Amino acid sequence: MIDLEFMDRAEQLLLAVEQGCDRINDDTDADLDSQRSGGMLTIVFANRSQIVINLQKPLHEVWMAAQSGGYHYRFDGTRWMDTKGDGEFFAALSRDASRQAGQALQFTA
């Protein structure tokens, strides 16, 4: 993957997360605050915990930091997959956001 392709796909991912936060706020009482600064997106929960997603352009990876730990994802041609084989990005984001919000939340690509 070239840098331009990575940035295009990574920006799509960040936009999907932002839109997911907006949808969740419209549909639930989770009260997520998403803050974007360049290639970094921070989701702040009502309990003040955070999930931080940032782009690692030189590595062509997207990193996510949550209370459960830190994760690295690479695009496999179809989906953003964990580099250690621990699953797909949006499934992991949904899992960790649900834990931190104290209710079931669903993010999709």
N, C-alpha and C. Protein backbone atom coordinates (compact mmCIF):
# COMPACT_ATOMS: atom_id res chain seq x y z
N MET A 1 0.85 -1.17 0.00
CA MET A 1 0.00 0.00 0.00
C MET A 1 0.90 1.23 0.00
N ILE A 2 0.55 2.19 -0.81
CA ILE A 2 1.31 3.44 -0.84
C ILE A 2 0.72 4.42 0.18
N ASP A 3 1.49 5.46 0.51
CA ASP A 3 1.05 6.43 1.52
C ASP A 3 -0.31 7.04 1.21
N LEU A 4 -0.53 7.40 -0.04
CA LEU A 4 -1.79 8.03 -0.43
C LEU A 4 -2.97 7.10 -0.19
N GLU A 5 -2.82 5.83 -0.54
CA GLU A 5 -3.88 4.85 -0.32
C GLU A 5 -4.13 4.67 1.19
N PHE A 6 -3.04 4.57 1.95
CA PHE A 6 -3.20 4.44 3.41
C PHE A 6 -3.98 5.62 3.96
N MET A 7 -3.59 6.83 3.61
CA MET A 7 -4.25 8.01 4.16
C MET A 7 -5.72 8.06 3.76
N ASP A 8 -6.04 7.67 2.54
CA ASP A 8 -7.43 7.65 2.10
C ASP A 8 -8.24 6.66 2.94
N ARG A 9 -7.74 5.46 3.10
CA ARG A 9 -8.46 4.43 3.88
C ARG A 9 -8.51 4.79 5.37
N ALA A 10 -7.42 5.33 5.89
CA ALA A 10 -7.37 5.71 7.30
C ALA A 10 -8.33 6.87 7.59
N GLU A 11 -8.41 7.83 6.69
CA GLU A 11 -9.35 8.94 6.87
C GLU A 11 -10.79 8.43 6.82
N GLN A 12 -11.07 7.44 5.97
CA GLN A 12 -12.40 6.83 5.94
C GLN A 12 -12.73 6.19 7.28
N LEU A 13 -11.75 5.52 7.88
CA LEU A 13 -11.93 4.89 9.18
C LEU A 13 -12.26 5.94 10.24
N LEU A 14 -11.47 7.02 10.30
CA LEU A 14 -11.72 8.06 11.30
C LEU A 14 -13.08 8.70 11.10
N LEU A 15 -13.47 8.94 9.86
CA LEU A 15 -14.78 9.51 9.58
C LEU A 15 -15.89 8.56 10.03
N ALA A 16 -15.73 7.26 9.80
CA ALA A 16 -16.72 6.28 10.23
C ALA A 16 -16.85 6.27 11.75
N VAL A 17 -15.75 6.43 12.46
CA VAL A 17 -15.79 6.48 13.93
C VAL A 17 -16.52 7.75 14.38
N GLU A 18 -16.20 8.88 13.77
CA GLU A 18 -16.88 10.14 14.13
C GLU A 18 -18.39 10.03 13.88
N GLN A 19 -18.75 9.49 12.73
CA GLN A 19 -20.17 9.33 12.41
C GLN A 19 -20.83 8.34 13.36
N GLY A 20 -20.09 7.31 13.76
CA GLY A 20 -20.61 6.35 14.73
C GLY A 20 -20.89 7.01 16.07
N CYS A 21 -20.01 7.88 16.51
CA CYS A 21 -20.23 8.63 17.76
C CYS A 21 -21.49 9.48 17.65
N ASP A 22 -21.66 10.16 16.53
CA ASP A 22 -22.86 10.99 16.33
C ASP A 22 -24.12 10.13 16.37
N ARG A 23 -24.09 8.99 15.69
CA ARG A 23 -25.25 8.10 15.64
C ARG A 23 -25.57 7.57 17.05
N ILE A 24 -24.53 7.14 17.76
CA ILE A 24 -24.72 6.63 19.12
C ILE A 24 -25.32 7.70 20.02
N ASN A 25 -24.85 8.94 19.90
CA ASN A 25 -25.41 10.03 20.70
C ASN A 25 -26.88 10.29 20.37
N ASP A 26 -27.23 10.13 19.09
CA ASP A 26 -28.63 10.32 18.68
C ASP A 26 -29.53 9.19 19.17
N ASP A 27 -28.99 7.96 19.23
CA ASP A 27 -29.80 6.78 19.52
C ASP A 27 -29.76 6.30 20.96
N THR A 28 -28.79 6.77 21.75
CA THR A 28 -28.64 6.29 23.13
C THR A 28 -28.36 7.47 24.06
N ASP A 29 -28.21 7.15 25.33
CA ASP A 29 -27.82 8.18 26.30
C ASP A 29 -26.35 8.04 26.68
N ALA A 30 -25.53 7.46 25.80
CA ALA A 30 -24.12 7.20 26.09
C ALA A 30 -23.31 8.50 26.26
N ASP A 31 -23.67 9.56 25.59
CA ASP A 31 -23.01 10.86 25.71
C ASP A 31 -21.52 10.79 25.40
N LEU A 32 -21.20 10.43 24.16
CA LEU A 32 -19.81 10.39 23.70
C LEU A 32 -19.41 11.75 23.15
N ASP A 33 -18.19 12.15 23.43
CA ASP A 33 -17.64 13.38 22.87
C ASP A 33 -16.44 12.98 22.01
N SER A 34 -16.53 13.19 20.71
CA SER A 34 -15.40 12.88 19.84
C SER A 34 -14.69 14.17 19.47
N GLN A 35 -13.36 14.14 19.63
CA GLN A 35 -12.54 15.31 19.35
C GLN A 35 -11.46 14.90 18.36
N ARG A 36 -11.38 15.62 17.24
CA ARG A 36 -10.43 15.29 16.19
C ARG A 36 -9.36 16.36 16.11
N SER A 37 -8.12 15.91 16.03
CA SER A 37 -6.99 16.81 15.83
C SER A 37 -6.05 16.14 14.85
N GLY A 38 -6.11 16.56 13.59
CA GLY A 38 -5.27 15.95 12.56
C GLY A 38 -5.57 14.47 12.43
N GLY A 39 -4.54 13.64 12.59
CA GLY A 39 -4.67 12.20 12.47
C GLY A 39 -4.98 11.51 13.78
N MET A 40 -5.51 12.24 14.75
CA MET A 40 -5.84 11.65 16.04
C MET A 40 -7.29 11.97 16.40
N LEU A 41 -8.00 10.95 16.85
CA LEU A 41 -9.39 11.09 17.27
C LEU A 41 -9.50 10.57 18.70
N THR A 42 -10.05 11.38 19.59
CA THR A 42 -10.23 10.99 20.98
C THR A 42 -11.73 10.92 21.26
N ILE A 43 -12.15 9.79 21.82
CA ILE A 43 -13.53 9.61 22.25
C ILE A 43 -13.52 9.71 23.77
N VAL A 44 -14.29 10.66 24.30
CA VAL A 44 -14.38 10.84 25.74
C VAL A 44 -15.77 10.38 26.17
N PHE A 45 -15.82 9.53 27.20
CA PHE A 45 -17.06 8.96 27.70
C PHE A 45 -17.56 9.77 28.89
N ALA A 46 -18.81 9.56 29.26
CA ALA A 46 -19.42 10.30 30.37
C ALA A 46 -18.63 10.13 31.67
N ASN A 47 -17.99 8.99 31.85
CA ASN A 47 -17.19 8.74 33.07
C ASN A 47 -15.78 9.31 32.96
N ARG A 48 -15.51 10.08 31.91
CA ARG A 48 -14.23 10.75 31.62
C ARG A 48 -13.15 9.81 31.10
N SER A 49 -13.43 8.52 30.93
CA SER A 49 -12.45 7.63 30.31
C SER A 49 -12.38 7.97 28.83
N GLN A 50 -11.31 7.51 28.19
CA GLN A 50 -11.09 7.86 26.78
C GLN A 50 -10.65 6.65 25.97
N ILE A 51 -10.92 6.73 24.69
CA ILE A 51 -10.31 5.87 23.68
C ILE A 51 -9.65 6.81 22.69
N VAL A 52 -8.37 6.56 22.39
CA VAL A 52 -7.63 7.40 21.46
C VAL A 52 -7.27 6.55 20.24
N ILE A 53 -7.58 7.09 19.07
CA ILE A 53 -7.26 6.43 17.80
C ILE A 53 -6.36 7.38 17.03
N ASN A 54 -5.20 6.88 16.59
CA ASN A 54 -4.33 7.76 15.81
C ASN A 54 -3.69 7.01 14.66
N LEU A 55 -3.34 7.79 13.65
CA LEU A 55 -2.75 7.25 12.43
C LEU A 55 -1.24 7.22 12.55
N GLN A 56 -0.65 6.12 12.15
CA GLN A 56 0.80 5.96 12.12
C GLN A 56 1.21 5.80 10.65
N LYS A 57 1.31 6.94 9.96
CA LYS A 57 1.55 6.94 8.52
C LYS A 57 2.81 6.18 8.12
N PRO A 58 3.96 6.35 8.79
CA PRO A 58 5.17 5.63 8.35
C PRO A 58 5.01 4.10 8.39
N LEU A 59 4.17 3.62 9.30
CA LEU A 59 3.97 2.17 9.45
C LEU A 59 2.73 1.68 8.71
N HIS A 60 1.95 2.61 8.17
CA HIS A 60 0.67 2.28 7.54
C HIS A 60 -0.24 1.54 8.51
N GLU A 61 -0.29 2.04 9.74
CA GLU A 61 -1.11 1.43 10.79
C GLU A 61 -2.00 2.47 11.44
N VAL A 62 -3.07 1.96 12.04
CA VAL A 62 -3.95 2.75 12.90
C VAL A 62 -3.80 2.16 14.29
N TRP A 63 -3.53 3.02 15.26
CA TRP A 63 -3.36 2.56 16.64
C TRP A 63 -4.56 2.99 17.46
N MET A 64 -4.97 2.11 18.37
CA MET A 64 -6.06 2.42 19.28
C MET A 64 -5.60 2.14 20.71
N ALA A 65 -5.83 3.11 21.59
CA ALA A 65 -5.54 2.95 23.01
C ALA A 65 -6.85 3.06 23.78
N ALA A 66 -7.14 2.03 24.57
CA ALA A 66 -8.35 1.98 25.39
C ALA A 66 -7.95 1.51 26.78
N GLN A 67 -8.90 1.46 27.69
CA GLN A 67 -8.59 0.98 29.03
C GLN A 67 -8.06 -0.45 29.00
N SER A 68 -8.48 -1.24 28.02
CA SER A 68 -8.06 -2.64 27.94
C SER A 68 -6.64 -2.81 27.39
N GLY A 69 -6.08 -1.75 26.78
CA GLY A 69 -4.72 -1.84 26.25
C GLY A 69 -4.56 -1.08 24.95
N GLY A 70 -3.41 -1.30 24.31
CA GLY A 70 -3.10 -0.65 23.05
C GLY A 70 -3.09 -1.66 21.92
N TYR A 71 -3.58 -1.26 20.75
CA TYR A 71 -3.73 -2.16 19.62
C TYR A 71 -3.26 -1.49 18.34
N HIS A 72 -2.71 -2.27 17.43
CA HIS A 72 -2.24 -1.78 16.13
C HIS A 72 -3.01 -2.52 15.04
N TYR A 73 -3.46 -1.77 14.04
CA TYR A 73 -4.26 -2.34 12.95
C TYR A 73 -3.66 -1.98 11.60
N ARG A 74 -3.69 -2.95 10.68
CA ARG A 74 -3.28 -2.75 9.28
C ARG A 74 -4.42 -3.16 8.38
N PHE A 75 -4.54 -2.45 7.26
CA PHE A 75 -5.57 -2.77 6.29
C PHE A 75 -5.14 -3.99 5.49
N ASP A 76 -5.99 -5.02 5.44
CA ASP A 76 -5.63 -6.27 4.76
C ASP A 76 -6.19 -6.37 3.35
N GLY A 77 -6.70 -5.25 2.83
CA GLY A 77 -7.33 -5.25 1.51
C GLY A 77 -8.84 -5.22 1.61
N THR A 78 -9.36 -5.59 2.77
CA THR A 78 -10.80 -5.60 3.02
C THR A 78 -11.16 -4.91 4.32
N ARG A 79 -10.39 -5.22 5.39
CA ARG A 79 -10.71 -4.71 6.73
C ARG A 79 -9.43 -4.31 7.45
N TRP A 80 -9.58 -3.54 8.52
CA TRP A 80 -8.48 -3.18 9.40
C TRP A 80 -8.36 -4.27 10.45
N MET A 81 -7.26 -5.03 10.38
CA MET A 81 -7.07 -6.17 11.27
C MET A 81 -5.92 -5.93 12.24
N ASP A 82 -6.07 -6.44 13.47
CA ASP A 82 -5.05 -6.33 14.50
C ASP A 82 -3.77 -7.03 14.04
N THR A 83 -2.64 -6.41 14.25
CA THR A 83 -1.37 -6.97 13.79
C THR A 83 -0.95 -8.20 14.59
N LYS A 84 -1.59 -8.44 15.73
CA LYS A 84 -1.27 -9.62 16.54
C LYS A 84 -2.36 -10.69 16.44
N GLY A 85 -3.25 -10.51 15.46
CA GLY A 85 -4.28 -11.51 15.22
C GLY A 85 -5.48 -11.46 16.16
N ASP A 86 -5.68 -10.31 16.82
CA ASP A 86 -6.77 -10.20 17.80
C ASP A 86 -8.06 -9.62 17.23
N GLY A 87 -8.25 -9.67 15.93
CA GLY A 87 -9.54 -9.29 15.36
C GLY A 87 -9.55 -7.99 14.60
N GLU A 88 -10.75 -7.59 14.24
CA GLU A 88 -11.01 -6.46 13.36
C GLU A 88 -11.23 -5.19 14.18
N PHE A 89 -10.85 -4.05 13.62
CA PHE A 89 -10.88 -2.76 14.32
C PHE A 89 -12.25 -2.41 14.88
N PHE A 90 -13.29 -2.41 14.05
CA PHE A 90 -14.59 -1.95 14.50
C PHE A 90 -15.21 -2.86 15.55
N ALA A 91 -14.92 -4.15 15.48
CA ALA A 91 -15.37 -5.08 16.52
C ALA A 91 -14.68 -4.76 17.84
N ALA A 92 -13.38 -4.49 17.79
CA ALA A 92 -12.63 -4.15 19.01
C ALA A 92 -13.08 -2.81 19.57
N LEU A 93 -13.30 -1.83 18.70
CA LEU A 93 -13.78 -0.52 19.15
C LEU A 93 -15.14 -0.66 19.82
N SER A 94 -16.03 -1.43 19.22
CA SER A 94 -17.35 -1.65 19.80
C SER A 94 -17.24 -2.31 21.17
N ARG A 95 -16.38 -3.31 21.28
CA ARG A 95 -16.18 -4.02 22.55
C ARG A 95 -15.66 -3.06 23.63
N ASP A 96 -14.60 -2.32 23.32
CA ASP A 96 -13.99 -1.45 24.31
C ASP A 96 -14.88 -0.25 24.64
N ALA A 97 -15.54 0.32 23.64
CA ALA A 97 -16.44 1.44 23.91
C ALA A 97 -17.61 0.99 24.77
N SER A 98 -18.11 -0.21 24.54
CA SER A 98 -19.21 -0.74 25.35
C SER A 98 -18.78 -0.89 26.80
N ARG A 99 -17.59 -1.42 27.01
CA ARG A 99 -17.06 -1.57 28.38
C ARG A 99 -16.94 -0.21 29.07
N GLN A 100 -16.37 0.75 28.36
CA GLN A 100 -16.11 2.05 28.97
C GLN A 100 -17.39 2.87 29.16
N ALA A 101 -18.39 2.64 28.32
CA ALA A 101 -19.66 3.37 28.44
C ALA A 101 -20.62 2.68 29.41
N GLY A 102 -20.39 1.40 29.67
CA GLY A 102 -21.30 0.66 30.54
C GLY A 102 -22.60 0.27 29.87
N GLN A 103 -22.60 0.27 28.54
CA GLN A 103 -23.76 -0.17 27.77
C GLN A 103 -23.30 -0.60 26.39
N ALA A 104 -24.12 -1.41 25.73
CA ALA A 104 -23.76 -1.94 24.41
C ALA A 104 -23.75 -0.82 23.37
N LEU A 105 -22.59 -0.67 22.72
CA LEU A 105 -22.43 0.31 21.64
C LEU A 105 -21.89 -0.41 20.41
N GLN A 106 -22.33 0.01 19.24
CA GLN A 106 -21.91 -0.65 18.01
C GLN A 106 -21.33 0.36 17.02
N PHE A 107 -20.08 0.14 16.62
CA PHE A 107 -19.43 0.93 15.57
C PHE A 107 -19.29 0.05 14.34
N THR A 108 -19.46 0.64 13.16
CA THR A 108 -19.30 -0.09 11.91
C THR A 108 -18.49 0.75 10.92
N ALA A 109 -17.95 0.07 9.93
CA ALA A 109 -17.15 0.73 8.89
C ALA A 109 -18.00 1.63 8.03
